[in-house]
PDB file of N, CA and C in Angstrom:
ATOM      1  N   UNK A   1       5.627  16.073  16.890  1.00  0.00           N
ATOM      2  CA  UNK A   1       5.779  15.027  15.661  1.00  0.00           C
ATOM      3  C   UNK A   1       5.608  13.846  15.965  1.00  0.00           C
ATOM      4  N   UNK A   2       4.805  13.483  14.569  1.00  0.00           N
ATOM      5  CA  UNK A   2       4.523  11.791  15.117  1.00  0.00           C
ATOM      6  C   UNK A   2       5.292  10.761  14.536  1.00  0.00           C
ATOM      7  N   UNK A   3       5.572  10.206  15.351  1.00  0.00           N
ATOM      8  CA  UNK A   3       6.364   8.776  15.667  1.00  0.00           C
ATOM      9  C   UNK A   3       5.813   7.818  14.466  1.00  0.00           C
ATOM     10  N   UNK A   4       4.407   7.503  14.312  1.00  0.00           N
ATOM     11  CA  UNK A   4       4.429   6.566  13.336  1.00  0.00           C
ATOM     12  C   UNK A   4       4.171   6.868  12.469  1.00  0.00           C
ATOM     13  N   UNK A   5       4.916   8.142  11.759  1.00  0.00           N
ATOM     14  CA  UNK A   5       5.419   8.002  10.261  1.00  0.00           C
ATOM     15  C   UNK A   5       6.468   7.199   9.749  1.00  0.00           C
ATOM     16  N   UNK A   6       6.528   6.587   8.545  1.00  0.00           N
ATOM     17  CA  UNK A   6       7.551   5.940   8.380  1.00  0.00           C
ATOM     18  C   UNK A   6       8.340   6.164   7.048  1.00  0.00           C
ATOM     19  N   UNK A   7       7.886   6.455   6.219  1.00  0.00           N
ATOM     20  CA  UNK A   7       7.515   7.131   4.511  1.00  0.00           C
ATOM     21  C   UNK A   7       8.113   8.492   4.354  1.00  0.00           C
ATOM     22  N   UNK A   8       8.842   8.943   3.333  1.00  0.00           N
ATOM     23  CA  UNK A   8       9.100  10.169   3.136  1.00  0.00           C
ATOM     24  C   UNK A   8       7.643  10.477   2.520  1.00  0.00           C
ATOM     25  N   UNK A   9       6.611  10.346   1.930  1.00  0.00           N
ATOM     26  CA  UNK A   9       5.579  10.976   1.334  1.00  0.00           C
ATOM     27  C   UNK A   9       4.842  11.268   2.715  1.00  0.00           C
ATOM     28  N   UNK A  10       4.610  10.378   3.912  1.00  0.00           N
ATOM     29  CA  UNK A  10       3.895  10.748   5.260  1.00  0.00           C
ATOM     30  C   UNK A  10       4.821  11.589   5.999  1.00  0.00           C
ATOM     31  N   UNK A  11       6.048  11.869   5.513  1.00  0.00           N
ATOM     32  CA  UNK A  11       7.193  12.742   6.887  1.00  0.00           C
ATOM     33  C   UNK A  11       6.291  14.748   5.523  1.00  0.00           C
ATOM     34  N   UNK A  12       6.461  14.466   4.652  1.00  0.00           N
ATOM     35  CA  UNK A  12       6.269  15.529   3.743  1.00  0.00           C
ATOM     36  C   UNK A  12       4.861  15.915   4.659  1.00  0.00           C
ATOM     37  N   UNK A  13       3.858  15.386   4.252  1.00  0.00           N
ATOM     38  CA  UNK A  13       2.377  15.764   4.875  1.00  0.00           C
ATOM     39  C   UNK A  13       2.575  16.545   5.830  1.00  0.00           C
ATOM     40  N   UNK A  14       3.165  16.080   7.206  1.00  0.00           N
ATOM     41  CA  UNK A  14       3.397  16.176   8.019  1.00  0.00           C
ATOM     42  C   UNK A  14       4.158  17.444   8.248  1.00  0.00           C
ATOM     43  N   UNK A  15       5.361  17.527   7.509  1.00  0.00           N
ATOM     44  CA  UNK A  15       5.592  18.984   7.567  1.00  0.00           C
ATOM     45  C   UNK A  15       5.150  20.282   7.254  1.00  0.00           C
ATOM     46  N   UNK A  16       4.354  19.862   5.973  1.00  0.00           N
ATOM     47  CA  UNK A  16       3.591  21.162   4.795  1.00  0.00           C
ATOM     48  C   UNK A  16       2.511  21.062   5.282  1.00  0.00           C
ATOM     49  N   UNK A  17       1.667  19.907   5.728  1.00  0.00           N
ATOM     50  CA  UNK A  17      -0.085  20.311   6.299  1.00  0.00           C
ATOM     51  C   UNK A  17      -0.329  19.654   7.063  1.00  0.00           C
ATOM     52  N   UNK A  18       0.024  18.978   8.136  1.00  0.00           N
ATOM     53  CA  UNK A  18       0.276  18.469   9.166  1.00  0.00           C
ATOM     54  C   UNK A  18      -1.031  16.758   8.736  1.00  0.00           C
ATOM     55  N   UNK A  19      -0.786  16.421   9.906  1.00  0.00           N
ATOM     56  CA  UNK A  19      -1.787  15.108  10.201  1.00  0.00           C
ATOM     57  C   UNK A  19      -2.740  14.968  10.904  1.00  0.00           C
ATOM     58  N   UNK A  20      -3.721  14.246  10.712  1.00  0.00           N
ATOM     59  CA  UNK A  20      -4.952  14.640  11.517  1.00  0.00           C
ATOM     60  C   UNK A  20      -5.337  15.623  12.285  1.00  0.00           C
ATOM     61  N   UNK A  21      -5.569  16.529  11.328  1.00  0.00           N
ATOM     62  CA  UNK A  21      -6.066  17.840  12.429  1.00  0.00           C
ATOM     63  C   UNK A  21      -5.033  18.368  13.030  1.00  0.00           C
ATOM     64  N   UNK A  22      -3.783  18.070  13.131  1.00  0.00           N
ATOM     65  CA  UNK A  22      -2.405  18.706  13.622  1.00  0.00           C
ATOM     66  C   UNK A  22      -2.422  20.066  12.446  1.00  0.00           C
ATOM     67  N   UNK A  23      -1.005  20.283  13.222  1.00  0.00           N
ATOM     68  CA  UNK A  23      -0.188  21.898  12.801  1.00  0.00           C
ATOM     69  C   UNK A  23       0.233  21.169  12.081  1.00  0.00           C
ATOM     70  N   UNK A  24       0.935  21.535  10.687  1.00  0.00           N
ATOM     71  CA  UNK A  24       2.003  21.694   9.573  1.00  0.00           C
ATOM     72  C   UNK A  24       3.636  21.780  10.714  1.00  0.00           C
ATOM     73  N   UNK A  25       4.342  21.411  10.771  1.00  0.00           N
ATOM     74  CA  UNK A  25       5.621  21.236  11.058  1.00  0.00           C
ATOM     75  C   UNK A  25       6.119  23.172  10.990  1.00  0.00           C
ATOM     76  N   UNK A  26       6.304  23.133   9.588  1.00  0.00           N
ATOM     77  CA  UNK A  26       6.819  24.555   8.973  1.00  0.00           C
ATOM     78  C   UNK A  26       5.710  25.510   9.498  1.00  0.00           C
ATOM     79  N   UNK A  27       4.368  25.394   9.764  1.00  0.00           N
ATOM     80  CA  UNK A  27       3.682  26.320  10.413  1.00  0.00           C
ATOM     81  C   UNK A  27       3.855  26.763  11.808  1.00  0.00           C
ATOM     82  N   UNK A  28       4.711  25.259  12.263  1.00  0.00           N
ATOM     83  CA  UNK A  28       5.133  25.877  13.565  1.00  0.00           C
ATOM     84  C   UNK A  28       6.244  26.748  13.688  1.00  0.00           C
ATOM     85  N   UNK A  29       7.548  26.080  12.992  1.00  0.00           N
ATOM     86  CA  UNK A  29       8.854  26.593  12.746  1.00  0.00           C
ATOM     87  C   UNK A  29       8.590  28.190  12.417  1.00  0.00           C
ATOM     88  N   UNK A  30       7.602  28.657  11.511  1.00  0.00           N
ATOM     89  CA  UNK A  30       7.001  29.745  11.073  1.00  0.00           C
ATOM     90  C   UNK A  30       6.840  30.761  12.213  1.00  0.00           C
ATOM     91  N   UNK A  31       5.482  30.123  13.126  1.00  0.00           N
ATOM     92  CA  UNK A  31       4.709  30.882  13.630  1.00  0.00           C
ATOM     93  C   UNK A  31       6.083  31.229  15.472  1.00  0.00           C
ATOM     94  N   UNK A  32       6.469  30.004  15.665  1.00  0.00           N
ATOM     95  CA  UNK A  32       7.629  29.725  16.959  1.00  0.00           C
ATOM     96  C   UNK A  32       8.427  30.022  16.917  1.00  0.00           C
ATOM     97  N   UNK A  33       9.250  29.724  15.911  1.00  0.00           N
ATOM     98  CA  UNK A  33      11.125  28.926  15.505  1.00  0.00           C
ATOM     99  C   UNK A  33      11.209  27.756  16.120  1.00  0.00           C
ATOM    100  N   UNK A  34      12.238  27.932  16.941  1.00  0.00           N
ATOM    101  CA  UNK A  34      12.473  26.673  17.955  1.00  0.00           C
ATOM    102  C   UNK A  34      11.729  26.618  18.780  1.00  0.00           C
ATOM    103  N   UNK A  35      11.035  27.297  19.371  1.00  0.00           N
ATOM    104  CA  UNK A  35      10.390  27.270  21.046  1.00  0.00           C
ATOM    105  C   UNK A  35       9.681  26.449  21.302  1.00  0.00           C
ATOM    106  N   UNK A  36       8.467  25.922  20.032  1.00  0.00           N
ATOM    107  CA  UNK A  36       7.908  25.207  19.857  1.00  0.00           C
ATOM    108  C   UNK A  36       8.661  23.794  20.657  1.00  0.00           C
ATOM    109  N   UNK A  37       9.666  23.411  20.316  1.00  0.00           N
ATOM    110  CA  UNK A  37      10.092  21.944  20.225  1.00  0.00           C
ATOM    111  C   UNK A  37      11.736  22.628  21.836  1.00  0.00           C
ATOM    112  N   UNK A  38      11.609  23.102  22.091  1.00  0.00           N
ATOM    113  CA  UNK A  38      12.654  23.852  22.985  1.00  0.00           C
ATOM    114  C   UNK A  38      12.484  22.825  24.115  1.00  0.00           C
ATOM    115  N   UNK A  39      13.321  22.634  25.348  1.00  0.00           N
ATOM    116  CA  UNK A  39      13.291  21.941  26.643  1.00  0.00           C
ATOM    117  C   UNK A  39      12.691  20.300  26.568  1.00  0.00           C
ATOM    118  N   UNK A  40      12.927  19.932  25.504  1.00  0.00           N
ATOM    119  CA  UNK A  40      12.341  18.403  24.580  1.00  0.00           C
ATOM    120  C   UNK A  40      13.656  17.948  23.965  1.00  0.00           C
ATOM    121  N   UNK A  41      14.855  17.377  24.268  1.00  0.00           N
ATOM    122  CA  UNK A  41      15.364  16.841  23.587  1.00  0.00           C
ATOM    123  C   UNK A  41      14.873  15.891  23.006  1.00  0.00           C
ATOM    124  N   UNK A  42      14.760  14.909  23.333  1.00  0.00           N
ATOM    125  CA  UNK A  42      13.608  13.421  22.158  1.00  0.00           C
ATOM    126  C   UNK A  42      13.075  14.594  21.169  1.00  0.00           C
ATOM    127  N   UNK A  43      12.452  15.729  21.364  1.00  0.00           N
ATOM    128  CA  UNK A  43      12.070  16.243  20.305  1.00  0.00           C
ATOM    129  C   UNK A  43      12.796  17.173  19.642  1.00  0.00           C
ATOM    130  N   UNK A  44      13.338  17.508  20.471  1.00  0.00           N
ATOM    131  CA  UNK A  44      14.924  18.235  19.403  1.00  0.00           C
ATOM    132  C   UNK A  44      16.101  17.355  18.200  1.00  0.00           C
ATOM    133  N   UNK A  45      16.388  15.799  18.511  1.00  0.00           N
ATOM    134  CA  UNK A  45      16.934  15.146  18.101  1.00  0.00           C
ATOM    135  C   UNK A  45      15.899  14.541  16.611  1.00  0.00           C
ATOM    136  N   UNK A  46      14.626  14.010  16.776  1.00  0.00           N
ATOM    137  CA  UNK A  46      13.780  13.784  16.343  1.00  0.00           C
ATOM    138  C   UNK A  46      13.296  15.170  15.291  1.00  0.00           C
ATOM    139  N   UNK A  47      13.235  16.243  15.372  1.00  0.00           N
ATOM    140  CA  UNK A  47      13.190  17.086  14.294  1.00  0.00           C
ATOM    141  C   UNK A  47      14.425  16.969  13.535  1.00  0.00           C
ATOM    142  N   UNK A  48      16.058  17.610  14.004  1.00  0.00           N
ATOM    143  CA  UNK A  48      16.893  17.219  13.599  1.00  0.00           C
ATOM    144  C   UNK A  48      16.898  16.480  12.216  1.00  0.00           C
ATOM    145  N   UNK A  49      16.545  14.874  12.715  1.00  0.00           N
ATOM    146  CA  UNK A  49      16.897  13.742  11.957  1.00  0.00           C
ATOM    147  C   UNK A  49      15.992  13.949  10.769  1.00  0.00           C
ATOM    148  N   UNK A  50      14.740  14.374  10.944  1.00  0.00           N
ATOM    149  CA  UNK A  50      13.247  14.279   9.837  1.00  0.00           C
ATOM    150  C   UNK A  50      14.318  15.552   8.960  1.00  0.00           C
ATOM    151  N   UNK A  51      15.108  16.971   9.539  1.00  0.00           N
ATOM    152  CA  UNK A  51      15.101  18.182   9.010  1.00  0.00           C
ATOM    153  C   UNK A  51      15.796  17.483   7.552  1.00  0.00           C
ATOM    154  N   UNK A  52      16.676  16.146   7.820  1.00  0.00           N
ATOM    155  CA  UNK A  52      17.483  15.802   7.022  1.00  0.00           C
ATOM    156  C   UNK A  52      16.994  15.162   5.630  1.00  0.00           C
ATOM    157  N   UNK A  53      15.660  14.864   5.587  1.00  0.00           N
ATOM    158  CA  UNK A  53      14.999  14.586   4.446  1.00  0.00           C
ATOM    159  C   UNK A  53      13.902  15.608   4.067  1.00  0.00           C
ATOM    160  N   UNK A  54      13.565  16.927   4.424  1.00  0.00           N
ATOM    161  CA  UNK A  54      12.968  18.062   4.045  1.00  0.00           C
ATOM    162  C   UNK A  54      14.207  19.088   3.185  1.00  0.00           C
ATOM    163  N   UNK A  55      15.609  18.758   4.074  1.00  0.00           N
ATOM    164  CA  UNK A  55      16.463  19.715   3.238  1.00  0.00           C
ATOM    165  C   UNK A  55      17.056  18.799   1.603  1.00  0.00           C
ATOM    166  N   UNK A  56      17.069  17.562   1.919  1.00  0.00           N
ATOM    167  CA  UNK A  56      16.934  16.515   0.599  1.00  0.00           C
ATOM    168  C   UNK A  56      16.152  16.871  -0.568  1.00  0.00           C
ATOM    169  N   UNK A  57      14.712  16.856   0.225  1.00  0.00           N
ATOM    170  CA  UNK A  57      13.805  17.260  -0.964  1.00  0.00           C
ATOM    171  C   UNK A  57      14.144  18.551  -1.893  1.00  0.00           C
ATOM    172  N   UNK A  58      14.183  19.735  -1.040  1.00  0.00           N
ATOM    173  CA  UNK A  58      14.516  20.931  -1.456  1.00  0.00           C
ATOM    174  C   UNK A  58      15.611  21.286  -2.228  1.00  0.00           C
ATOM    175  N   UNK A  59      16.727  20.210  -2.137  1.00  0.00           N
ATOM    176  CA  UNK A  59      17.480  20.264  -3.022  1.00  0.00           C
ATOM    177  C   UNK A  59      18.076  19.570  -4.008  1.00  0.00           C
ATOM    178  N   UNK A  60      16.505  18.445  -4.191  1.00  0.00           N
ATOM    179  CA  UNK A  60      16.542  17.983  -5.339  1.00  0.00           C
ATOM    180  C   UNK A  60      15.315  19.119  -5.972  1.00  0.00           C
ATOM    181  N   UNK A  61      14.537  19.194  -5.519  1.00  0.00           N
ATOM    182  CA  UNK A  61      13.689  20.301  -6.205  1.00  0.00           C
ATOM    183  C   UNK A  61      14.708  21.344  -6.821  1.00  0.00           C
ATOM    184  N   UNK A  62      15.814  21.576  -6.323  1.00  0.00           N
ATOM    185  CA  UNK A  62      16.348  23.194  -6.737  1.00  0.00           C
ATOM    186  C   UNK A  62      17.658  22.396  -8.272  1.00  0.00           C
ATOM    187  N   UNK A  63      17.961  21.038  -7.699  1.00  0.00           N
ATOM    188  CA  UNK A  63      18.923  20.301  -9.091  1.00  0.00           C
ATOM    189  C   UNK A  63      18.598  19.769 -10.172  1.00  0.00           C
ATOM    190  N   UNK A  64      16.797  19.608 -10.193  1.00  0.00           N
ATOM    191  CA  UNK A  64      15.782  18.904 -10.852  1.00  0.00           C
ATOM    192  C   UNK A  64      14.921  20.185 -11.581  1.00  0.00           C
ATOM    193  N   UNK A  65      15.056  21.472 -11.136  1.00  0.00           N
ATOM    194  CA  UNK A  65      14.687  22.339 -11.317  1.00  0.00           C
ATOM    195  C   UNK A  65      12.427  22.092 -11.399  1.00  0.00           C
ATOM    196  N   UNK A  66      12.324  21.539 -10.315  1.00  0.00           N
ATOM    197  CA  UNK A  66      11.141  21.291  -9.922  1.00  0.00           C
ATOM    198  C   UNK A  66      10.081  21.474  -9.219  1.00  0.00           C
ATOM    199  N   UNK A  67       9.204  21.181  -8.469  1.00  0.00           N
ATOM    200  CA  UNK A  67       8.550  21.846  -7.221  1.00  0.00           C
ATOM    201  C   UNK A  67       8.985  20.613  -6.341  1.00  0.00           C
ATOM    202  N   UNK A  68       8.833  21.289  -4.928  1.00  0.00           N
ATOM    203  CA  UNK A  68       9.001  20.086  -3.690  1.00  0.00           C
ATOM    204  C   UNK A  68       8.615  18.708  -3.745  1.00  0.00           C
ATOM    205  N   UNK A  69       7.006  18.979  -4.136  1.00  0.00           N
ATOM    206  CA  UNK A  69       6.315  18.225  -4.583  1.00  0.00           C
ATOM    207  C   UNK A  69       6.947  17.311  -4.938  1.00  0.00           C
ATOM    208  N   UNK A  70       6.963  17.710  -6.288  1.00  0.00           N
ATOM    209  CA  UNK A  70       7.899  16.298  -7.350  1.00  0.00           C
ATOM    210  C   UNK A  70       9.129  15.907  -6.779  1.00  0.00           C
ATOM    211  N   UNK A  71      10.025  16.672  -5.828  1.00  0.00           N
ATOM    212  CA  UNK A  71      11.196  16.208  -5.894  1.00  0.00           C
ATOM    213  C   UNK A  71      10.892  15.146  -4.523  1.00  0.00           C
ATOM    214  N   UNK A  72       9.367  16.043  -3.457  1.00  0.00           N
ATOM    215  CA  UNK A  72       9.223  14.518  -2.575  1.00  0.00           C
ATOM    216  C   UNK A  72       9.078  13.206  -2.792  1.00  0.00           C
ATOM    217  N   UNK A  73       8.348  13.663  -4.268  1.00  0.00           N
ATOM    218  CA  UNK A  73       8.138  11.537  -4.766  1.00  0.00           C
ATOM    219  C   UNK A  73       9.526  11.203  -5.320  1.00  0.00           C
ATOM    220  N   UNK A  74      10.374  11.502  -5.843  1.00  0.00           N
ATOM    221  CA  UNK A  74      11.581  11.143  -5.961  1.00  0.00           C
ATOM    222  C   UNK A  74      12.301  10.573  -4.183  1.00  0.00           C
ATOM    223  N   UNK A  75      12.361  11.347  -3.830  1.00  0.00           N
ATOM    224  CA  UNK A  75      13.345  10.981  -2.465  1.00  0.00           C
ATOM    225  C   UNK A  75      12.658  10.213  -1.818  1.00  0.00           C
ATOM    226  N   UNK A  76      11.185  10.219  -2.021  1.00  0.00           N
ATOM    227  CA  UNK A  76      10.441   8.838  -0.987  1.00  0.00           C
ATOM    228  C   UNK A  76      10.955   7.525  -2.679  1.00  0.00           C
ATOM    229  N   UNK A  77      10.721   7.525  -3.184  1.00  0.00           N
ATOM    230  CA  UNK A  77      11.215   6.472  -3.801  1.00  0.00           C
ATOM    231  C   UNK A  77      12.777   5.902  -3.853  1.00  0.00           C
ATOM    232  N   UNK A  78      13.397   6.900  -3.583  1.00  0.00           N
ATOM    233  CA  UNK A  78      14.834   6.299  -3.051  1.00  0.00           C
ATOM    234  C   UNK A  78      14.424   6.128  -2.110  1.00  0.00           C
ATOM    235  N   UNK A  79      13.599   6.433  -0.655  1.00  0.00           N
ATOM    236  CA  UNK A  79      13.360   5.291   0.446  1.00  0.00           C
ATOM    237  C   UNK A  79      13.714   4.090   0.473  1.00  0.00           C
ATOM    238  N   UNK A  80      12.207   4.229  -0.757  1.00  0.00           N
ATOM    239  CA  UNK A  80      11.681   2.280  -0.913  1.00  0.00           C
ATOM    240  C   UNK A  80      12.765   1.851  -1.492  1.00  0.00           C
ATOM    241  N   UNK A  81      13.395   2.215  -2.599  1.00  0.00           N
ATOM    242  CA  UNK A  81      14.280   1.277  -3.279  1.00  0.00           C
ATOM    243  C   UNK A  81      15.269   1.442  -2.551  1.00  0.00           C
ATOM    244  N   UNK A  82      15.977   1.718  -1.706  1.00  0.00           N
ATOM    245  CA  UNK A  82      17.283   1.547  -0.589  1.00  0.00           C
ATOM    246  C   UNK A  82      16.409   0.422   0.635  1.00  0.00           C
ATOM    247  N   UNK A  83      15.222   0.281   0.769  1.00  0.00           N
ATOM    248  CA  UNK A  83      14.421  -0.604   1.670  1.00  0.00           C
ATOM    249  C   UNK A  83      15.071   0.111   3.166  1.00  0.00           C
ATOM    250  N   UNK A  84      15.311   1.304   3.120  1.00  0.00           N
ATOM    251  CA  UNK A  84      14.921   1.243   4.763  1.00  0.00           C
ATOM    252  C   UNK A  84      14.439   1.801   5.228  1.00  0.00           C
ATOM    253  N   UNK A  85      14.419   2.197   6.695  1.00  0.00           N
ATOM    254  CA  UNK A  85      13.451   3.098   7.444  1.00  0.00           C
ATOM    255  C   UNK A  85      13.340   3.880   7.478  1.00  0.00           C
ATOM    256  N   UNK A  86      12.536   4.599   7.989  1.00  0.00           N
ATOM    257  CA  UNK A  86      12.639   6.216   7.503  1.00  0.00           C
ATOM    258  C   UNK A  86      14.545   6.929   8.377  1.00  0.00           C
ATOM    259  N   UNK A  87      14.012   6.144   9.634  1.00  0.00           N
ATOM    260  CA  UNK A  87      14.959   6.652  10.875  1.00  0.00           C
ATOM    261  C   UNK A  87      16.388   6.503   9.961  1.00  0.00           C
ATOM    262  N   UNK A  88      16.741   5.434   9.060  1.00  0.00           N
ATOM    263  CA  UNK A  88      17.893   5.176   8.772  1.00  0.00           C
ATOM    264  C   UNK A  88      18.361   5.694   7.554  1.00  0.00           C
ATOM    265  N   UNK A  89      17.029   6.082   6.951  1.00  0.00           N
ATOM    266  CA  UNK A  89      16.913   7.329   5.510  1.00  0.00           C
ATOM    267  C   UNK A  89      18.075   8.432   6.139  1.00  0.00           C
ATOM    268  N   UNK A  90      17.209   8.777   7.318  1.00  0.00           N
ATOM    269  CA  UNK A  90      17.312  10.105   7.263  1.00  0.00           C
ATOM    270  C   UNK A  90      18.923  10.166   8.511  1.00  0.00           C
ATOM    271  N   UNK A  91      18.969   9.061   8.838  1.00  0.00           N
ATOM    272  CA  UNK A  91      20.484   8.568   9.136  1.00  0.00           C
ATOM    273  C   UNK A  91      21.738   8.955   7.835  1.00  0.00           C
ATOM    274  N   UNK A  92      21.495   8.079   7.151  1.00  0.00           N
ATOM    275  CA  UNK A  92      22.156   7.828   5.475  1.00  0.00           C
ATOM    276  C   UNK A  92      22.527   9.275   5.111  1.00  0.00           C
ATOM    277  N   UNK A  93      21.144  10.187   4.632  1.00  0.00           N
ATOM    278  CA  UNK A  93      21.073  11.259   4.632  1.00  0.00           C
ATOM    279  C   UNK A  93      21.636  12.235   4.825  1.00  0.00           C
ATOM    280  N   UNK A  94      21.901  11.939   5.922  1.00  0.00           N
ATOM    281  CA  UNK A  94      23.003  13.277   7.197  1.00  0.00           C
ATOM    282  C   UNK A  94      24.306  12.696   6.967  1.00  0.00           C
ATOM    283  N   UNK A  95      24.983  11.564   7.121  1.00  0.00           N
ATOM    284  CA  UNK A  95      25.792  10.720   6.949  1.00  0.00           C
ATOM    285  C   UNK A  95      26.654  11.567   5.336  1.00  0.00           C
ATOM    286  N   UNK A  96      25.846  11.133   4.362  1.00  0.00           N
ATOM    287  CA  UNK A  96      25.878  11.827   3.179  1.00  0.00           C
ATOM    288  C   UNK A  96      26.404  13.487   3.182  1.00  0.00           C
ATOM    289  N   UNK A  97      25.682  14.162   3.543  1.00  0.00           N
ATOM    290  CA  UNK A  97      25.729  15.267   3.321  1.00  0.00           C
ATOM    291  C   UNK A  97      27.042  15.963   4.283  1.00  0.00           C
ATOM    292  N   UNK A  98      27.264  15.415   5.813  1.00  0.00           N
ATOM    293  CA  UNK A  98      28.157  15.901   6.202  1.00  0.00           C
ATOM    294  C   UNK A  98      29.652  15.352   5.673  1.00  0.00           C
ATOM    295  N   UNK A  99      29.627  13.924   4.836  1.00  0.00           N
ATOM    296  CA  UNK A  99      30.730  13.502   4.213  1.00  0.00           C
ATOM    297  C   UNK A  99      30.502  14.253   2.956  1.00  0.00           C
ATOM    298  N   UNK A 100      30.189  15.152   2.528  1.00  0.00           N
ATOM    299  CA  UNK A 100      30.322  15.938   1.347  1.00  0.00           C
ATOM    300  C   UNK A 100      31.049  17.520   1.962  1.00  0.00           C
ATOM    301  N   UNK A 101      30.238  18.191   2.896  1.00  0.00           N
ATOM    302  CA  UNK A 101      31.002  19.148   3.817  1.00  0.00           C
ATOM    303  C   UNK A 101      32.130  19.187   3.848  1.00  0.00           C
ATOM    304  N   UNK A 102      32.839  17.948   4.194  1.00  0.00           N
ATOM    305  CA  UNK A 102      34.299  17.295   4.759  1.00  0.00           C
ATOM    306  C   UNK A 102      35.390  17.681   3.535  1.00  0.00           C
ATOM    307  N   UNK A 103      34.795  16.608   2.370  1.00  0.00           N
ATOM    308  CA  UNK A 103      35.341  17.113   1.053  1.00  0.00           C
ATOM    309  C   UNK A 103      35.870  18.412   0.717  1.00  0.00           C
ATOM    310  N   UNK A 104      34.413  19.030   0.577  1.00  0.00           N
ATOM    311  CA  UNK A 104      34.429  20.524   0.278  1.00  0.00           C
ATOM    312  C   UNK A 104      35.545  21.054   1.256  1.00  0.00           C
ATOM    313  N   UNK A 105      35.771  20.831   2.146  1.00  0.00           N
ATOM    314  CA  UNK A 105      36.796  21.523   2.731  1.00  0.00           C
ATOM    315  C   UNK A 105      38.702  21.279   2.735  1.00  0.00           C
ATOM    316  N   UNK A 106      38.555  20.244   2.312  1.00  0.00           N
ATOM    317  CA  UNK A 106      39.862  19.404   2.004  1.00  0.00           C
ATOM    318  C   UNK A 106      40.151  20.528   0.823  1.00  0.00           C
TER     319      UNK A 106
END
């Protein structure tokens, strides 16, 4: 996964079509499952954090009954409005998701 990706839109491109001729993350997952990133702790953590954005895009698509592409633009705008780096945005999404899980368990 490319460490130079800084915006949701670029992450979505990497995930769905690949960057600079590289494979799409979704294709790697489909073909190899988690084996393509196994044994590389940094890659596991990077993937896991970036997956938060993909989950958010899918959640927004479902909630708004729109395409994932349209949802990606909504989430990209959210990142821009917060002024957060992609890394911080991912961490905020994770914290929000975990807080909602805790509330549901109560």
